[in-house]
C-alpha atoms as a PDB file:
ATOM      1  CA  UNK A   1     -51.733 115.379  48.009  1.00  0.00           C
ATOM      2  CA  UNK A   2     -53.818 118.475  47.511  1.00  0.00           C
ATOM      3  CA  UNK A   3     -52.288 121.925  47.740  1.00  0.00           C
ATOM      4  CA  UNK A   4     -55.171 123.148  49.950  1.00  0.00           C
ATOM      5  CA  UNK A   5     -53.804 121.797  53.220  1.00  0.00           C
ATOM      6  CA  UNK A   6     -50.273 122.934  52.430  1.00  0.00           C
ATOM      7  CA  UNK A   7     -51.517 126.523  52.384  1.00  0.00           C
ATOM      8  CA  UNK A   8     -52.699 126.280  55.986  1.00  0.00           C
ATOM      9  CA  UNK A   9     -50.092 127.942  58.217  1.00  0.00           C
ATOM     10  CA  UNK A  10     -50.226 125.183  60.844  1.00  0.00           C
ATOM     11  CA  UNK A  11     -49.746 122.278  58.444  1.00  0.00           C
ATOM     12  CA  UNK A  12     -45.939 122.021  58.460  1.00  0.00           C
ATOM     13  CA  UNK A  13     -45.496 122.811  62.174  1.00  0.00           C
ATOM     14  CA  UNK A  14     -48.030 120.073  63.037  1.00  0.00           C
ATOM     15  CA  UNK A  15     -46.270 117.599  60.745  1.00  0.00           C
ATOM     16  CA  UNK A  16     -43.006 118.472  62.499  1.00  0.00           C
ATOM     17  CA  UNK A  17     -44.534 118.030  65.969  1.00  0.00           C
ATOM     18  CA  UNK A  18     -46.100 114.725  64.879  1.00  0.00           C
ATOM     19  CA  UNK A  19     -42.706 113.531  63.659  1.00  0.00           C
ATOM     20  CA  UNK A  20     -41.083 114.521  66.947  1.00  0.00           C
ATOM     21  CA  UNK A  21     -43.729 112.624  68.925  1.00  0.00           C
ATOM     22  CA  UNK A  22     -43.312 109.574  66.678  1.00  0.00           C
ATOM     23  CA  UNK A  23     -39.522 109.696  66.982  1.00  0.00           C
ATOM     24  CA  UNK A  24     -39.712 110.158  70.757  1.00  0.00           C
ATOM     25  CA  UNK A  25     -42.037 107.143  70.967  1.00  0.00           C
ATOM     26  CA  UNK A  26     -39.628 105.021  68.950  1.00  0.00           C
ATOM     27  CA  UNK A  27     -36.691 106.109  71.086  1.00  0.00           C
ATOM     28  CA  UNK A  28     -38.591 105.621  74.359  1.00  0.00           C
ATOM     29  CA  UNK A  29     -39.720 102.118  73.344  1.00  0.00           C
ATOM     30  CA  UNK A  30     -36.155 101.247  72.225  1.00  0.00           C
ATOM     31  CA  UNK A  31     -37.398 100.522  68.693  1.00  0.00           C
ATOM     32  CA  UNK A  32     -34.812 102.943  67.282  1.00  0.00           C
ATOM     33  CA  UNK A  33     -32.101 100.450  68.214  1.00  0.00           C
ATOM     34  CA  UNK A  34     -31.507  97.969  65.365  1.00  0.00           C
ATOM     35  CA  UNK A  35     -30.323  95.324  67.841  1.00  0.00           C
ATOM     36  CA  UNK A  36     -33.740  95.261  69.536  1.00  0.00           C
ATOM     37  CA  UNK A  37     -35.554  94.915  66.214  1.00  0.00           C
ATOM     38  CA  UNK A  38     -33.186  92.180  65.014  1.00  0.00           C
ATOM     39  CA  UNK A  39     -33.749  90.281  68.282  1.00  0.00           C
ATOM     40  CA  UNK A  40     -37.491  90.456  67.582  1.00  0.00           C
ATOM     41  CA  UNK A  41     -37.000  89.171  64.035  1.00  0.00           C
ATOM     42  CA  UNK A  42     -34.951  86.268  65.409  1.00  0.00           C
ATOM     43  CA  UNK A  43     -37.750  85.418  67.912  1.00  0.00           C
ATOM     44  CA  UNK A  44     -35.574  86.321  70.913  1.00  0.00           C
ATOM     45  CA  UNK A  45     -37.417  89.443  72.175  1.00  0.00           C
ATOM     46  CA  UNK A  46     -41.124  90.035  71.643  1.00  0.00           C
ATOM     47  CA  UNK A  47     -41.240  93.602  72.976  1.00  0.00           C
ATOM     48  CA  UNK A  48     -41.856  94.937  69.479  1.00  0.00           C
ATOM     49  CA  UNK A  49     -45.161  93.054  69.388  1.00  0.00           C
ATOM     50  CA  UNK A  50     -46.387  95.021  72.400  1.00  0.00           C
ATOM     51  CA  UNK A  51     -45.253  98.316  70.870  1.00  0.00           C
ATOM     52  CA  UNK A  52     -46.979  97.542  67.557  1.00  0.00           C
ATOM     53  CA  UNK A  53     -50.115  96.278  69.324  1.00  0.00           C
ATOM     54  CA  UNK A  54     -50.295  99.434  71.437  1.00  0.00           C
ATOM     55  CA  UNK A  55     -49.880 101.623  68.355  1.00  0.00           C
ATOM     56  CA  UNK A  56     -52.542  99.639  66.486  1.00  0.00           C
ATOM     57  CA  UNK A  57     -55.023  99.996  69.363  1.00  0.00           C
ATOM     58  CA  UNK A  58     -54.505 103.768  69.644  1.00  0.00           C
ATOM     59  CA  UNK A  59     -54.742 104.183  65.855  1.00  0.00           C
ATOM     60  CA  UNK A  60     -57.832 101.977  65.620  1.00  0.00           C
ATOM     61  CA  UNK A  61     -59.650 103.867  68.365  1.00  0.00           C
ATOM     62  CA  UNK A  62     -58.702 107.190  66.761  1.00  0.00           C
ATOM     63  CA  UNK A  63     -59.852 106.181  63.277  1.00  0.00           C
ATOM     64  CA  UNK A  64     -63.083 104.709  64.644  1.00  0.00           C
ATOM     65  CA  UNK A  65     -63.869 107.649  66.927  1.00  0.00           C
ATOM     66  CA  UNK A  66     -62.821 110.616  64.791  1.00  0.00           C
ATOM     67  CA  UNK A  67     -65.970 110.420  62.665  1.00  0.00           C
ATOM     68  CA  UNK A  68     -68.022 111.141  65.815  1.00  0.00           C
ATOM     69  CA  UNK A  69     -65.937 114.214  66.619  1.00  0.00           C
ATOM     70  CA  UNK A  70     -65.377 115.680  63.141  1.00  0.00           C
ATOM     71  CA  UNK A  71     -66.992 114.987  59.803  1.00  0.00           C
ATOM     72  CA  UNK A  72     -64.169 116.395  57.702  1.00  0.00           C
ATOM     73  CA  UNK A  73     -60.394 116.764  57.720  1.00  0.00           C
ATOM     74  CA  UNK A  74     -59.256 119.968  59.468  1.00  0.00           C
ATOM     75  CA  UNK A  75     -56.900 121.231  56.746  1.00  0.00           C
ATOM     76  CA  UNK A  76     -58.688 120.205  53.560  1.00  0.00           C
ATOM     77  CA  UNK A  77     -62.338 120.014  54.541  1.00  0.00           C
ATOM     78  CA  UNK A  78     -62.541 116.680  52.694  1.00  0.00           C
ATOM     79  CA  UNK A  79     -64.809 114.090  54.303  1.00  0.00           C
ATOM     80  CA  UNK A  80     -63.177 111.143  56.049  1.00  0.00           C
ATOM     81  CA  UNK A  81     -63.353 108.044  53.888  1.00  0.00           C
ATOM     82  CA  UNK A  82     -61.511 104.775  53.418  1.00  0.00           C
ATOM     83  CA  UNK A  83     -59.186 104.557  50.456  1.00  0.00           C
ATOM     84  CA  UNK A  84     -59.208 101.041  49.135  1.00  0.00           C
ATOM     85  CA  UNK A  85     -56.201 100.132  47.042  1.00  0.00           C
ATOM     86  CA  UNK A  86     -55.667  97.058  44.969  1.00  0.00           C
ATOM     87  CA  UNK A  87     -53.161  94.431  45.945  1.00  0.00           C
ATOM     88  CA  UNK A  88     -51.038  94.299  42.829  1.00  0.00           C
ATOM     89  CA  UNK A  89     -47.541  93.219  41.845  1.00  0.00           C
ATOM     90  CA  UNK A  90     -45.967  96.553  42.816  1.00  0.00           C
ATOM     91  CA  UNK A  91     -47.419  96.401  46.332  1.00  0.00           C
ATOM     92  CA  UNK A  92     -46.175  92.842  46.865  1.00  0.00           C
ATOM     93  CA  UNK A  93     -42.747  93.600  45.375  1.00  0.00           C
ATOM     94  CA  UNK A  94     -42.363  96.829  47.376  1.00  0.00           C
ATOM     95  CA  UNK A  95     -43.432  95.122  50.585  1.00  0.00           C
ATOM     96  CA  UNK A  96     -40.960  92.323  49.941  1.00  0.00           C
ATOM     97  CA  UNK A  97     -38.090  94.735  49.350  1.00  0.00           C
ATOM     98  CA  UNK A  98     -39.058  96.694  52.467  1.00  0.00           C
ATOM     99  CA  UNK A  99     -39.193  93.482  54.513  1.00  0.00           C
ATOM    100  CA  UNK A 100     -35.807  92.267  53.299  1.00  0.00           C
ATOM    101  CA  UNK A 101     -34.246  95.653  54.034  1.00  0.00           C
ATOM    102  CA  UNK A 102     -35.850  95.729  57.466  1.00  0.00           C
ATOM    103  CA  UNK A 103     -34.647  92.210  58.189  1.00  0.00           C
ATOM    104  CA  UNK A 104     -31.082  92.901  57.082  1.00  0.00           C
ATOM    105  CA  UNK A 105     -30.669  96.251  58.798  1.00  0.00           C
ATOM    106  CA  UNK A 106     -33.093  95.930  61.712  1.00  0.00           C
ATOM    107  CA  UNK A 107     -34.446  99.383  61.025  1.00  0.00           C
ATOM    108  CA  UNK A 108     -37.206 100.968  58.944  1.00  0.00           C
ATOM    109  CA  UNK A 109     -37.133 104.522  57.542  1.00  0.00           C
ATOM    110  CA  UNK A 110     -38.938 106.235  60.433  1.00  0.00           C
ATOM    111  CA  UNK A 111     -36.918 104.452  63.070  1.00  0.00           C
ATOM    112  CA  UNK A 112     -33.697 105.236  61.182  1.00  0.00           C
ATOM    113  CA  UNK A 113     -34.147 108.955  61.821  1.00  0.00           C
ATOM    114  CA  UNK A 114     -35.069 108.297  65.441  1.00  0.00           C
ATOM    115  CA  UNK A 115     -31.937 106.128  65.719  1.00  0.00           C
ATOM    116  CA  UNK A 116     -29.885 109.024  64.415  1.00  0.00           C
ATOM    117  CA  UNK A 117     -31.555 111.200  67.051  1.00  0.00           C
ATOM    118  CA  UNK A 118     -30.415 108.890  69.873  1.00  0.00           C
ATOM    119  CA  UNK A 119     -26.806 109.085  68.656  1.00  0.00           C
ATOM    120  CA  UNK A 120     -26.464 106.088  66.324  1.00  0.00           C
ATOM    121  CA  UNK A 121     -24.297 107.765  63.680  1.00  0.00           C
ATOM    122  CA  UNK A 122     -23.598 104.459  61.890  1.00  0.00           C
ATOM    123  CA  UNK A 123     -27.241 104.474  60.769  1.00  0.00           C
ATOM    124  CA  UNK A 124     -26.239 107.098  58.196  1.00  0.00           C
ATOM    125  CA  UNK A 125     -25.133 104.202  55.968  1.00  0.00           C
ATOM    126  CA  UNK A 126     -28.634 102.775  56.125  1.00  0.00           C
ATOM    127  CA  UNK A 127     -30.237 106.170  55.473  1.00  0.00           C
ATOM    128  CA  UNK A 128     -27.920 106.667  52.474  1.00  0.00           C
ATOM    129  CA  UNK A 129     -28.992 103.227  51.194  1.00  0.00           C
ATOM    130  CA  UNK A 130     -32.670 104.189  51.565  1.00  0.00           C
ATOM    131  CA  UNK A 131     -32.117 107.380  49.588  1.00  0.00           C
ATOM    132  CA  UNK A 132     -30.175 105.496  46.917  1.00  0.00           C
ATOM    133  CA  UNK A 133     -32.907 102.854  46.661  1.00  0.00           C
ATOM    134  CA  UNK A 134     -35.614 105.519  46.407  1.00  0.00           C
ATOM    135  CA  UNK A 135     -33.649 107.325  43.694  1.00  0.00           C
ATOM    136  CA  UNK A 136     -33.096 104.131  41.682  1.00  0.00           C
ATOM    137  CA  UNK A 137     -36.777 103.194  41.987  1.00  0.00           C
ATOM    138  CA  UNK A 138     -37.862 106.698  40.913  1.00  0.00           C
ATOM    139  CA  UNK A 139     -35.459 106.693  37.975  1.00  0.00           C
ATOM    140  CA  UNK A 140     -36.553 103.195  36.904  1.00  0.00           C
ATOM    141  CA  UNK A 141     -40.217 104.111  37.178  1.00  0.00           C
ATOM    142  CA  UNK A 142     -39.819 107.359  35.244  1.00  0.00           C
ATOM    143  CA  UNK A 143     -37.924 105.648  32.402  1.00  0.00           C
ATOM    144  CA  UNK A 144     -40.607 102.931  32.312  1.00  0.00           C
ATOM    145  CA  UNK A 145     -43.339 105.579  32.183  1.00  0.00           C
ATOM    146  CA  UNK A 146     -41.587 107.343  29.299  1.00  0.00           C
ATOM    147  CA  UNK A 147     -41.349 104.062  27.375  1.00  0.00           C
ATOM    148  CA  UNK A 148     -45.054 103.319  27.949  1.00  0.00           C
ATOM    149  CA  UNK A 149     -46.225 106.789  26.910  1.00  0.00           C
ATOM    150  CA  UNK A 150     -47.594 107.010  23.373  1.00  0.00           C
ATOM    151  CA  UNK A 151     -45.351 108.859  20.952  1.00  0.00           C
ATOM    152  CA  UNK A 152     -46.618 112.295  20.028  1.00  0.00           C
ATOM    153  CA  UNK A 153     -47.085 112.921  16.348  1.00  0.00           C
ATOM    154  CA  UNK A 154     -45.666 116.140  14.991  1.00  0.00           C
ATOM    155  CA  UNK A 155     -47.022 117.476  11.726  1.00  0.00           C
END
């Protein structure tokens, strides 16, 4: 993430407003309730499919149409472009861990905060687990990076 857009005075307020809209959407669609998500994962309630499909349609139209409205990003001035990433072991492993966590808890990180916003205080255990998992992954990755770094030679 470049520091250019962080200097713009509207960057953080717009991120905050975007998060509020996202959280309101999750709460309004009942996707901030783990029971609803778990019912979807057990093939009992397919409402989540309609929510995800609606979000995908809006996102697809936006990404397709934005290039006709603007040629560059408003905060950075960088041109819009696709970022292709490789499908490697870390992506598959991370996706698997995310999927297992989602399946066990019925909630993903964004919806966890929205769930807290609708009064589900018990979700704090899940949020604490997410923070713990992120810390362990960061610690493991940093110790791996230190072990892979070439030793500096001191004269």
